[in-house]
Amino acid sequence: MDLKEIQNLIKFVAKSGASEVKLEMDDIKITIKTTEESKETTTFVQHMPATGAVAPQQIAPVQAQPVVANPPVGTTNEAPAAGTEDDSKYITIKSPIIGTLYRKPSPDKPTFVEVGDSIKEGDVLCIIEAMKLFNEIESEVSGKIVKVLVDDSSPVEFDQPLFLVDPS
């Protein structure tokens, strides 16, 4: 596999949105990792000679294409500048774990909370499935749901904002 083919593979992976791709062939091993924060793709190429010695090389990072996320649920038609200023007075409820967020207890049931609902400490806001375990995420504050920042059945990261709550 020549350098041009590796570069084309890096570009393809960056455009696909995959977070990690590993490719092993007879004499070469390639790992391509894309990180969301830095929007870069890091590639490690290891030539695997018959002697057993492994010499990793790092190829220059390629800028990944930005991933367009789904718009948040429950957004309003406020001016964009007003949204950032108003968010500072709200409490952000963040994901305590990595997994898939579900806003309903089951597909045929209503959502746990909607924008405008009043909540109190201990109320279940959503469920996050991690490794086949369903974890109820309870509110640690009382207030009113102002904004839902994630869609139902979407993957969430640790410490990702889920809800904005007005404590007043």
N, C-alpha and C. Protein backbone atom coordinates (compact mmCIF):
# COMPACT_ATOMS: atom_id res chain seq x y z
N MET A 1 0.87 -1.17 0.00
CA MET A 1 0.00 0.00 0.00
C MET A 1 0.92 1.23 0.00
N ASP A 2 0.72 2.11 -0.97
CA ASP A 2 1.58 3.29 -1.05
C ASP A 2 0.97 4.48 -0.31
N LEU A 3 1.74 5.55 -0.21
CA LEU A 3 1.34 6.73 0.55
C LEU A 3 0.07 7.36 0.01
N LYS A 4 -0.10 7.38 -1.29
CA LYS A 4 -1.29 7.98 -1.92
C LYS A 4 -2.56 7.21 -1.51
N GLU A 5 -2.48 5.89 -1.48
CA GLU A 5 -3.63 5.07 -1.07
C GLU A 5 -3.96 5.31 0.41
N ILE A 6 -2.93 5.46 1.24
CA ILE A 6 -3.15 5.73 2.67
C ILE A 6 -3.82 7.08 2.86
N GLN A 7 -3.35 8.08 2.12
CA GLN A 7 -3.96 9.41 2.22
C GLN A 7 -5.41 9.39 1.77
N ASN A 8 -5.73 8.67 0.70
CA ASN A 8 -7.12 8.55 0.25
C ASN A 8 -7.97 7.85 1.30
N LEU A 9 -7.41 6.84 1.95
CA LEU A 9 -8.13 6.14 3.02
C LEU A 9 -8.41 7.08 4.19
N ILE A 10 -7.43 7.92 4.54
CA ILE A 10 -7.62 8.89 5.63
C ILE A 10 -8.75 9.85 5.28
N LYS A 11 -8.75 10.37 4.08
CA LYS A 11 -9.80 11.31 3.64
C LYS A 11 -11.17 10.64 3.67
N PHE A 12 -11.23 9.39 3.22
CA PHE A 12 -12.50 8.67 3.21
C PHE A 12 -13.04 8.48 4.63
N VAL A 13 -12.16 8.07 5.55
CA VAL A 13 -12.58 7.85 6.94
C VAL A 13 -13.03 9.17 7.57
N ALA A 14 -12.30 10.26 7.29
CA ALA A 14 -12.66 11.57 7.85
C ALA A 14 -14.04 12.00 7.37
N LYS A 15 -14.35 11.76 6.12
CA LYS A 15 -15.65 12.15 5.57
C LYS A 15 -16.77 11.24 6.06
N SER A 16 -16.45 9.99 6.38
CA SER A 16 -17.49 9.03 6.78
C SER A 16 -18.01 9.30 8.19
N GLY A 17 -17.21 9.97 9.04
CA GLY A 17 -17.64 10.24 10.40
C GLY A 17 -17.31 9.12 11.37
N ALA A 18 -16.62 8.10 10.92
CA ALA A 18 -16.23 7.01 11.82
C ALA A 18 -15.20 7.53 12.81
N SER A 19 -15.25 7.03 14.03
CA SER A 19 -14.31 7.50 15.05
C SER A 19 -13.00 6.73 15.04
N GLU A 20 -13.02 5.48 14.60
CA GLU A 20 -11.80 4.69 14.57
C GLU A 20 -11.92 3.59 13.53
N VAL A 21 -10.86 3.40 12.74
CA VAL A 21 -10.83 2.34 11.74
C VAL A 21 -9.48 1.65 11.84
N LYS A 22 -9.48 0.32 11.86
CA LYS A 22 -8.24 -0.46 11.88
C LYS A 22 -8.22 -1.34 10.64
N LEU A 23 -7.06 -1.38 9.98
CA LEU A 23 -6.89 -2.17 8.78
C LEU A 23 -5.59 -2.94 8.92
N GLU A 24 -5.65 -4.27 8.79
CA GLU A 24 -4.47 -5.10 8.86
C GLU A 24 -4.37 -5.91 7.59
N MET A 25 -3.19 -5.86 6.99
CA MET A 25 -2.91 -6.67 5.81
C MET A 25 -1.66 -7.48 6.12
N ASP A 26 -1.13 -8.19 5.15
CA ASP A 26 0.01 -9.08 5.39
C ASP A 26 1.20 -8.35 6.01
N ASP A 27 1.59 -7.23 5.44
CA ASP A 27 2.81 -6.58 5.89
C ASP A 27 2.59 -5.19 6.49
N ILE A 28 1.33 -4.79 6.70
CA ILE A 28 1.06 -3.44 7.19
C ILE A 28 -0.16 -3.43 8.09
N LYS A 29 -0.12 -2.57 9.08
CA LYS A 29 -1.23 -2.41 10.01
C LYS A 29 -1.50 -0.91 10.12
N ILE A 30 -2.74 -0.47 9.85
CA ILE A 30 -3.10 0.94 9.87
C ILE A 30 -4.23 1.15 10.86
N THR A 31 -4.08 2.16 11.73
CA THR A 31 -5.14 2.56 12.65
C THR A 31 -5.40 4.03 12.42
N ILE A 32 -6.66 4.39 12.13
CA ILE A 32 -7.05 5.78 11.90
C ILE A 32 -8.05 6.15 12.98
N LYS A 33 -7.71 7.18 13.78
CA LYS A 33 -8.60 7.64 14.85
C LYS A 33 -8.98 9.09 14.58
N THR A 34 -10.28 9.38 14.66
CA THR A 34 -10.77 10.74 14.48
C THR A 34 -11.32 11.20 15.81
N THR A 35 -10.82 12.35 16.31
CA THR A 35 -11.31 12.89 17.56
C THR A 35 -12.22 14.06 17.27
N GLU A 36 -13.35 14.13 17.98
CA GLU A 36 -14.37 15.16 17.78
C GLU A 36 -13.86 16.53 18.22
N GLU A 37 -13.11 16.60 19.34
CA GLU A 37 -12.72 17.89 19.89
C GLU A 37 -11.79 18.64 18.95
N SER A 38 -10.78 17.96 18.43
CA SER A 38 -9.77 18.65 17.64
C SER A 38 -10.09 18.62 16.15
N LYS A 39 -11.07 17.84 15.72
CA LYS A 39 -11.44 17.71 14.33
C LYS A 39 -10.26 17.28 13.46
N GLU A 40 -9.37 16.47 14.01
CA GLU A 40 -8.23 15.97 13.27
C GLU A 40 -8.29 14.46 13.20
N THR A 41 -7.62 13.93 12.20
CA THR A 41 -7.50 12.49 12.06
C THR A 41 -6.05 12.12 12.28
N THR A 42 -5.80 11.20 13.19
CA THR A 42 -4.44 10.74 13.46
C THR A 42 -4.32 9.33 12.91
N THR A 43 -3.26 9.10 12.16
CA THR A 43 -3.07 7.79 11.55
C THR A 43 -1.74 7.21 11.99
N PHE A 44 -1.75 5.96 12.39
CA PHE A 44 -0.53 5.25 12.73
C PHE A 44 -0.38 4.12 11.73
N VAL A 45 0.80 4.06 11.10
CA VAL A 45 1.09 3.00 10.14
C VAL A 45 2.23 2.18 10.71
N GLN A 46 2.01 0.88 10.80
CA GLN A 46 3.06 0.00 11.31
C GLN A 46 3.39 -1.00 10.22
N HIS A 47 4.67 -1.02 9.83
CA HIS A 47 5.13 -2.03 8.88
C HIS A 47 5.51 -3.25 9.71
N MET A 48 5.05 -4.39 9.30
CA MET A 48 5.30 -5.61 10.07
C MET A 48 6.24 -6.51 9.27
N PRO A 49 7.56 -6.26 9.40
CA PRO A 49 8.51 -7.12 8.68
C PRO A 49 8.55 -8.53 9.25
N ALA A 50 9.14 -9.42 8.51
CA ALA A 50 9.18 -10.83 8.91
C ALA A 50 10.00 -11.03 10.17
N THR A 51 10.90 -10.09 10.53
CA THR A 51 11.73 -10.25 11.71
C THR A 51 10.94 -10.07 13.00
N GLY A 52 9.76 -9.46 12.91
CA GLY A 52 8.93 -9.28 14.11
C GLY A 52 9.06 -7.91 14.72
N ALA A 53 10.03 -7.09 14.30
CA ALA A 53 10.17 -5.74 14.84
C ALA A 53 9.09 -4.85 14.25
N VAL A 54 8.53 -4.00 15.06
CA VAL A 54 7.47 -3.11 14.61
C VAL A 54 7.97 -1.68 14.72
N ALA A 55 7.85 -0.93 13.62
CA ALA A 55 8.30 0.46 13.61
C ALA A 55 7.11 1.36 13.28
N PRO A 56 6.45 1.95 14.30
CA PRO A 56 5.31 2.81 14.01
C PRO A 56 5.76 4.14 13.42
N GLN A 57 4.96 4.66 12.50
CA GLN A 57 5.19 5.97 11.91
C GLN A 57 3.90 6.76 12.07
N GLN A 58 4.04 8.06 12.25
CA GLN A 58 2.84 8.89 12.31
C GLN A 58 2.83 9.77 11.09
N ILE A 59 1.73 9.75 10.38
CA ILE A 59 1.56 10.59 9.20
C ILE A 59 0.91 11.89 9.64
N ALA A 60 1.20 12.96 8.94
CA ALA A 60 0.66 14.28 9.30
C ALA A 60 -0.86 14.23 9.38
N PRO A 61 -1.45 14.90 10.39
CA PRO A 61 -2.90 14.90 10.54
C PRO A 61 -3.60 15.55 9.35
N VAL A 62 -4.77 15.03 9.02
CA VAL A 62 -5.59 15.57 7.95
C VAL A 62 -6.81 16.19 8.59
N GLN A 63 -7.20 17.37 8.17
CA GLN A 63 -8.39 18.02 8.73
C GLN A 63 -9.62 17.22 8.35
N ALA A 64 -10.39 16.82 9.34
CA ALA A 64 -11.62 16.07 9.12
C ALA A 64 -12.76 17.03 8.78
N GLN A 65 -13.71 16.52 8.05
CA GLN A 65 -14.88 17.32 7.73
C GLN A 65 -15.75 17.43 8.98
N PRO A 66 -16.29 18.61 9.28
CA PRO A 66 -17.14 18.74 10.47
C PRO A 66 -18.41 17.91 10.33
N VAL A 67 -18.79 17.28 11.42
CA VAL A 67 -20.00 16.47 11.45
C VAL A 67 -21.16 17.37 11.83
N VAL A 68 -22.22 17.36 11.01
CA VAL A 68 -23.38 18.19 11.29
C VAL A 68 -24.31 17.40 12.19
N ALA A 69 -24.52 17.90 13.39
CA ALA A 69 -25.38 17.21 14.36
C ALA A 69 -26.84 17.54 14.09
N ASN A 70 -27.72 16.70 14.59
CA ASN A 70 -29.14 16.99 14.49
C ASN A 70 -29.47 18.19 15.34
N PRO A 71 -30.40 19.03 14.91
CA PRO A 71 -30.75 20.19 15.73
C PRO A 71 -31.36 19.73 17.04
N PRO A 72 -31.11 20.46 18.15
CA PRO A 72 -31.65 20.06 19.44
C PRO A 72 -33.18 20.09 19.46
N VAL A 73 -33.75 19.21 20.25
CA VAL A 73 -35.19 19.14 20.40
C VAL A 73 -35.66 20.28 21.29
N GLY A 74 -36.79 20.86 20.99
CA GLY A 74 -37.39 21.87 21.85
C GLY A 74 -36.76 23.24 21.70
N THR A 75 -36.14 23.52 20.57
CA THR A 75 -35.56 24.84 20.39
C THR A 75 -36.66 25.84 20.07
N THR A 76 -36.41 27.08 20.40
CA THR A 76 -37.37 28.13 20.13
C THR A 76 -36.81 29.07 19.09
N ASN A 77 -37.62 30.00 18.62
CA ASN A 77 -37.18 30.95 17.60
C ASN A 77 -36.64 32.21 18.22
N GLU A 78 -35.75 32.09 19.19
CA GLU A 78 -35.11 33.24 19.81
C GLU A 78 -33.94 33.68 18.96
N ALA A 79 -33.51 34.91 19.15
CA ALA A 79 -32.33 35.40 18.46
C ALA A 79 -31.12 34.62 18.95
N PRO A 80 -30.17 34.27 18.08
CA PRO A 80 -29.02 33.48 18.48
C PRO A 80 -28.19 34.13 19.59
N ALA A 81 -28.03 35.44 19.55
CA ALA A 81 -27.24 36.13 20.57
C ALA A 81 -27.92 36.05 21.93
N ALA A 82 -29.23 36.10 21.95
CA ALA A 82 -29.97 36.05 23.21
C ALA A 82 -29.85 34.67 23.85
N GLY A 83 -29.74 33.60 23.04
CA GLY A 83 -29.66 32.25 23.57
C GLY A 83 -28.40 32.03 24.40
N THR A 84 -27.28 32.57 23.97
CA THR A 84 -26.04 32.36 24.71
C THR A 84 -26.02 33.18 25.99
N GLU A 85 -26.60 34.35 25.99
CA GLU A 85 -26.63 35.18 27.19
C GLU A 85 -27.59 34.59 28.23
N ASP A 86 -28.74 34.11 27.79
CA ASP A 86 -29.75 33.59 28.71
C ASP A 86 -29.31 32.27 29.33
N ASP A 87 -28.51 31.47 28.62
CA ASP A 87 -28.11 30.15 29.11
C ASP A 87 -27.28 30.23 30.39
N SER A 88 -26.65 31.36 30.66
CA SER A 88 -25.79 31.47 31.83
C SER A 88 -26.58 31.42 33.14
N LYS A 89 -27.85 31.79 33.12
CA LYS A 89 -28.63 31.77 34.35
C LYS A 89 -29.29 30.41 34.60
N TYR A 90 -29.15 29.48 33.66
CA TYR A 90 -29.74 28.16 33.79
C TYR A 90 -28.72 27.15 34.32
N ILE A 91 -29.24 26.10 34.94
CA ILE A 91 -28.40 24.99 35.40
C ILE A 91 -28.39 23.94 34.29
N THR A 92 -27.20 23.48 33.95
CA THR A 92 -27.07 22.46 32.91
C THR A 92 -26.99 21.09 33.57
N ILE A 93 -27.87 20.19 33.16
CA ILE A 93 -27.82 18.81 33.64
C ILE A 93 -27.03 18.03 32.60
N LYS A 94 -25.94 17.39 33.05
CA LYS A 94 -25.03 16.70 32.14
C LYS A 94 -25.11 15.20 32.32
N SER A 95 -24.67 14.49 31.29
CA SER A 95 -24.67 13.04 31.32
C SER A 95 -23.60 12.52 32.26
N PRO A 96 -23.96 11.64 33.19
CA PRO A 96 -22.96 11.08 34.10
C PRO A 96 -22.19 9.90 33.49
N ILE A 97 -22.69 9.38 32.34
CA ILE A 97 -22.06 8.21 31.73
C ILE A 97 -22.15 8.30 30.21
N ILE A 98 -21.43 7.43 29.54
CA ILE A 98 -21.49 7.29 28.09
C ILE A 98 -22.56 6.25 27.78
N GLY A 99 -23.35 6.48 26.74
CA GLY A 99 -24.35 5.49 26.35
C GLY A 99 -25.34 6.06 25.36
N THR A 100 -26.49 5.41 25.27
CA THR A 100 -27.57 5.86 24.40
C THR A 100 -28.69 6.42 25.27
N LEU A 101 -29.09 7.67 24.98
CA LEU A 101 -30.10 8.34 25.78
C LEU A 101 -31.49 8.03 25.24
N TYR A 102 -32.40 7.70 26.15
CA TYR A 102 -33.81 7.50 25.80
C TYR A 102 -34.64 8.45 26.65
N ARG A 103 -35.52 9.20 26.01
CA ARG A 103 -36.35 10.16 26.73
C ARG A 103 -37.64 9.53 27.23
N LYS A 104 -37.92 8.27 26.84
CA LYS A 104 -39.15 7.57 27.26
C LYS A 104 -38.78 6.28 27.97
N PRO A 105 -39.63 5.83 28.90
CA PRO A 105 -39.36 4.55 29.56
C PRO A 105 -39.49 3.36 28.60
N SER A 106 -40.34 3.50 27.58
CA SER A 106 -40.48 2.50 26.52
C SER A 106 -41.08 3.20 25.31
N PRO A 107 -40.99 2.60 24.12
CA PRO A 107 -41.43 3.29 22.91
C PRO A 107 -42.91 3.72 22.91
N ASP A 108 -43.76 3.00 23.64
CA ASP A 108 -45.18 3.33 23.64
C ASP A 108 -45.60 4.24 24.79
N LYS A 109 -44.66 4.69 25.59
CA LYS A 109 -44.95 5.56 26.74
C LYS A 109 -44.59 7.00 26.41
N PRO A 110 -45.15 7.97 27.15
CA PRO A 110 -44.78 9.37 26.93
C PRO A 110 -43.38 9.66 27.48
N THR A 111 -42.80 10.79 27.05
CA THR A 111 -41.46 11.16 27.51
C THR A 111 -41.49 11.49 29.00
N PHE A 112 -40.33 11.34 29.64
CA PHE A 112 -40.23 11.64 31.07
C PHE A 112 -40.50 13.13 31.32
N VAL A 113 -39.80 14.01 30.58
CA VAL A 113 -39.97 15.45 30.75
C VAL A 113 -39.99 16.14 29.39
N GLU A 114 -40.69 17.26 29.33
CA GLU A 114 -40.75 18.10 28.13
C GLU A 114 -40.34 19.51 28.52
N VAL A 115 -40.10 20.35 27.53
CA VAL A 115 -39.81 21.75 27.79
C VAL A 115 -41.03 22.37 28.47
N GLY A 116 -40.78 23.09 29.56
CA GLY A 116 -41.86 23.72 30.32
C GLY A 116 -42.30 22.93 31.53
N ASP A 117 -41.91 21.67 31.63
CA ASP A 117 -42.29 20.85 32.79
C ASP A 117 -41.52 21.29 34.03
N SER A 118 -42.21 21.27 35.17
CA SER A 118 -41.55 21.54 36.45
C SER A 118 -41.01 20.23 36.99
N ILE A 119 -39.79 20.28 37.52
CA ILE A 119 -39.17 19.08 38.07
C ILE A 119 -38.69 19.39 39.48
N LYS A 120 -38.49 18.31 40.25
CA LYS A 120 -37.91 18.48 41.58
C LYS A 120 -36.82 17.42 41.74
N GLU A 121 -36.02 17.57 42.77
CA GLU A 121 -34.93 16.62 43.01
C GLU A 121 -35.45 15.20 43.05
N GLY A 122 -34.76 14.30 42.36
CA GLY A 122 -35.14 12.90 42.36
C GLY A 122 -36.04 12.49 41.20
N ASP A 123 -36.61 13.46 40.45
CA ASP A 123 -37.44 13.12 39.30
C ASP A 123 -36.57 12.50 38.21
N VAL A 124 -37.08 11.45 37.55
CA VAL A 124 -36.35 10.82 36.45
C VAL A 124 -36.51 11.70 35.21
N LEU A 125 -35.38 12.06 34.61
CA LEU A 125 -35.38 12.92 33.42
C LEU A 125 -35.26 12.11 32.13
N CYS A 126 -34.49 11.02 32.17
CA CYS A 126 -34.27 10.19 31.00
C CYS A 126 -33.62 8.88 31.45
N ILE A 127 -33.34 8.02 30.48
CA ILE A 127 -32.64 6.77 30.74
C ILE A 127 -31.43 6.75 29.81
N ILE A 128 -30.29 6.31 30.33
CA ILE A 128 -29.12 6.12 29.48
C ILE A 128 -28.74 4.65 29.53
N GLU A 129 -28.73 4.04 28.36
CA GLU A 129 -28.34 2.62 28.25
C GLU A 129 -26.84 2.55 28.04
N ALA A 130 -26.18 1.81 28.91
CA ALA A 130 -24.74 1.60 28.78
C ALA A 130 -24.46 0.12 29.01
N MET A 131 -23.92 -0.54 28.03
CA MET A 131 -23.58 -1.96 28.13
C MET A 131 -24.78 -2.80 28.55
N LYS A 132 -25.89 -2.57 27.91
CA LYS A 132 -27.14 -3.32 28.13
C LYS A 132 -27.77 -3.08 29.50
N LEU A 133 -27.30 -2.06 30.23
CA LEU A 133 -27.91 -1.67 31.50
C LEU A 133 -28.63 -0.34 31.30
N PHE A 134 -29.85 -0.24 31.78
CA PHE A 134 -30.63 0.98 31.65
C PHE A 134 -30.54 1.76 32.96
N ASN A 135 -29.91 2.93 32.90
CA ASN A 135 -29.67 3.76 34.09
C ASN A 135 -30.61 4.96 34.07
N GLU A 136 -31.45 5.07 35.09
CA GLU A 136 -32.34 6.23 35.20
C GLU A 136 -31.52 7.43 35.65
N ILE A 137 -31.64 8.54 34.93
CA ILE A 137 -30.93 9.76 35.28
C ILE A 137 -31.92 10.66 36.01
N GLU A 138 -31.62 10.90 37.29
CA GLU A 138 -32.51 11.68 38.14
C GLU A 138 -32.00 13.11 38.26
N SER A 139 -32.93 14.03 38.46
CA SER A 139 -32.58 15.43 38.62
C SER A 139 -31.96 15.66 39.99
N GLU A 140 -30.93 16.48 40.02
CA GLU A 140 -30.31 16.86 41.28
C GLU A 140 -30.74 18.26 41.70
N VAL A 141 -31.58 18.89 40.86
CA VAL A 141 -32.06 20.25 41.15
C VAL A 141 -33.57 20.31 40.92
N SER A 142 -34.19 21.33 41.48
CA SER A 142 -35.60 21.59 41.23
C SER A 142 -35.69 22.80 40.32
N GLY A 143 -36.72 22.83 39.49
CA GLY A 143 -36.89 23.96 38.60
C GLY A 143 -37.79 23.61 37.44
N LYS A 144 -37.57 24.31 36.32
CA LYS A 144 -38.40 24.15 35.13
C LYS A 144 -37.49 23.84 33.95
N ILE A 145 -37.84 22.82 33.15
CA ILE A 145 -37.07 22.46 31.97
C ILE A 145 -37.21 23.57 30.94
N VAL A 146 -36.08 24.15 30.55
CA VAL A 146 -36.08 25.25 29.58
C VAL A 146 -35.73 24.74 28.19
N LYS A 147 -34.80 23.78 28.13
CA LYS A 147 -34.34 23.29 26.84
C LYS A 147 -33.90 21.84 26.96
N VAL A 148 -34.26 21.02 25.97
CA VAL A 148 -33.78 19.65 25.86
C VAL A 148 -32.70 19.68 24.78
N LEU A 149 -31.48 19.28 25.13
CA LEU A 149 -30.34 19.45 24.23
C LEU A 149 -29.98 18.22 23.41
N VAL A 150 -30.66 17.10 23.64
CA VAL A 150 -30.37 15.87 22.89
C VAL A 150 -31.66 15.24 22.38
N ASP A 151 -31.54 14.50 21.29
CA ASP A 151 -32.68 13.79 20.73
C ASP A 151 -32.85 12.43 21.40
N ASP A 152 -34.05 11.88 21.27
CA ASP A 152 -34.31 10.54 21.79
C ASP A 152 -33.51 9.53 20.99
N SER A 153 -33.03 8.50 21.65
CA SER A 153 -32.27 7.40 21.04
C SER A 153 -30.95 7.86 20.43
N SER A 154 -30.35 8.90 20.98
CA SER A 154 -29.08 9.37 20.44
C SER A 154 -27.94 9.04 21.40
N PRO A 155 -26.74 8.83 20.85
CA PRO A 155 -25.60 8.54 21.72
C PRO A 155 -25.16 9.80 22.47
N VAL A 156 -24.75 9.62 23.72
CA VAL A 156 -24.25 10.74 24.52
C VAL A 156 -22.90 10.38 25.11
N GLU A 157 -22.10 11.41 25.35
CA GLU A 157 -20.78 11.26 25.94
C GLU A 157 -20.84 11.62 27.42
N PHE A 158 -19.81 11.26 28.15
CA PHE A 158 -19.71 11.66 29.55
C PHE A 158 -19.62 13.18 29.62
N ASP A 159 -20.37 13.78 30.53
CA ASP A 159 -20.36 15.22 30.79
C ASP A 159 -20.97 16.04 29.65
N GLN A 160 -21.71 15.40 28.75
CA GLN A 160 -22.39 16.12 27.67
C GLN A 160 -23.65 16.77 28.23
N PRO A 161 -23.90 18.04 27.93
CA PRO A 161 -25.13 18.70 28.40
C PRO A 161 -26.37 18.02 27.83
N LEU A 162 -27.34 17.74 28.71
CA LEU A 162 -28.59 17.09 28.29
C LEU A 162 -29.80 18.02 28.36
N PHE A 163 -29.91 18.75 29.49
CA PHE A 163 -31.06 19.61 29.73
C PHE A 163 -30.59 20.94 30.33
N LEU A 164 -31.37 22.00 30.07
CA LEU A 164 -31.17 23.27 30.75
C LEU A 164 -32.36 23.47 31.67
N VAL A 165 -32.09 23.80 32.93
CA VAL A 165 -33.15 23.95 33.94
C VAL A 165 -33.07 25.35 34.52
N ASP A 166 -34.25 25.99 34.61
CA ASP A 166 -34.35 27.30 35.27
C ASP A 166 -34.68 27.03 36.74
N PRO A 167 -33.74 27.32 37.66
CA PRO A 167 -33.98 26.99 39.07
C PRO A 167 -34.96 27.91 39.77
N SER A 168 -35.32 29.03 39.16
CA SER A 168 -36.21 29.98 39.85
C SER A 168 -37.66 29.55 39.84
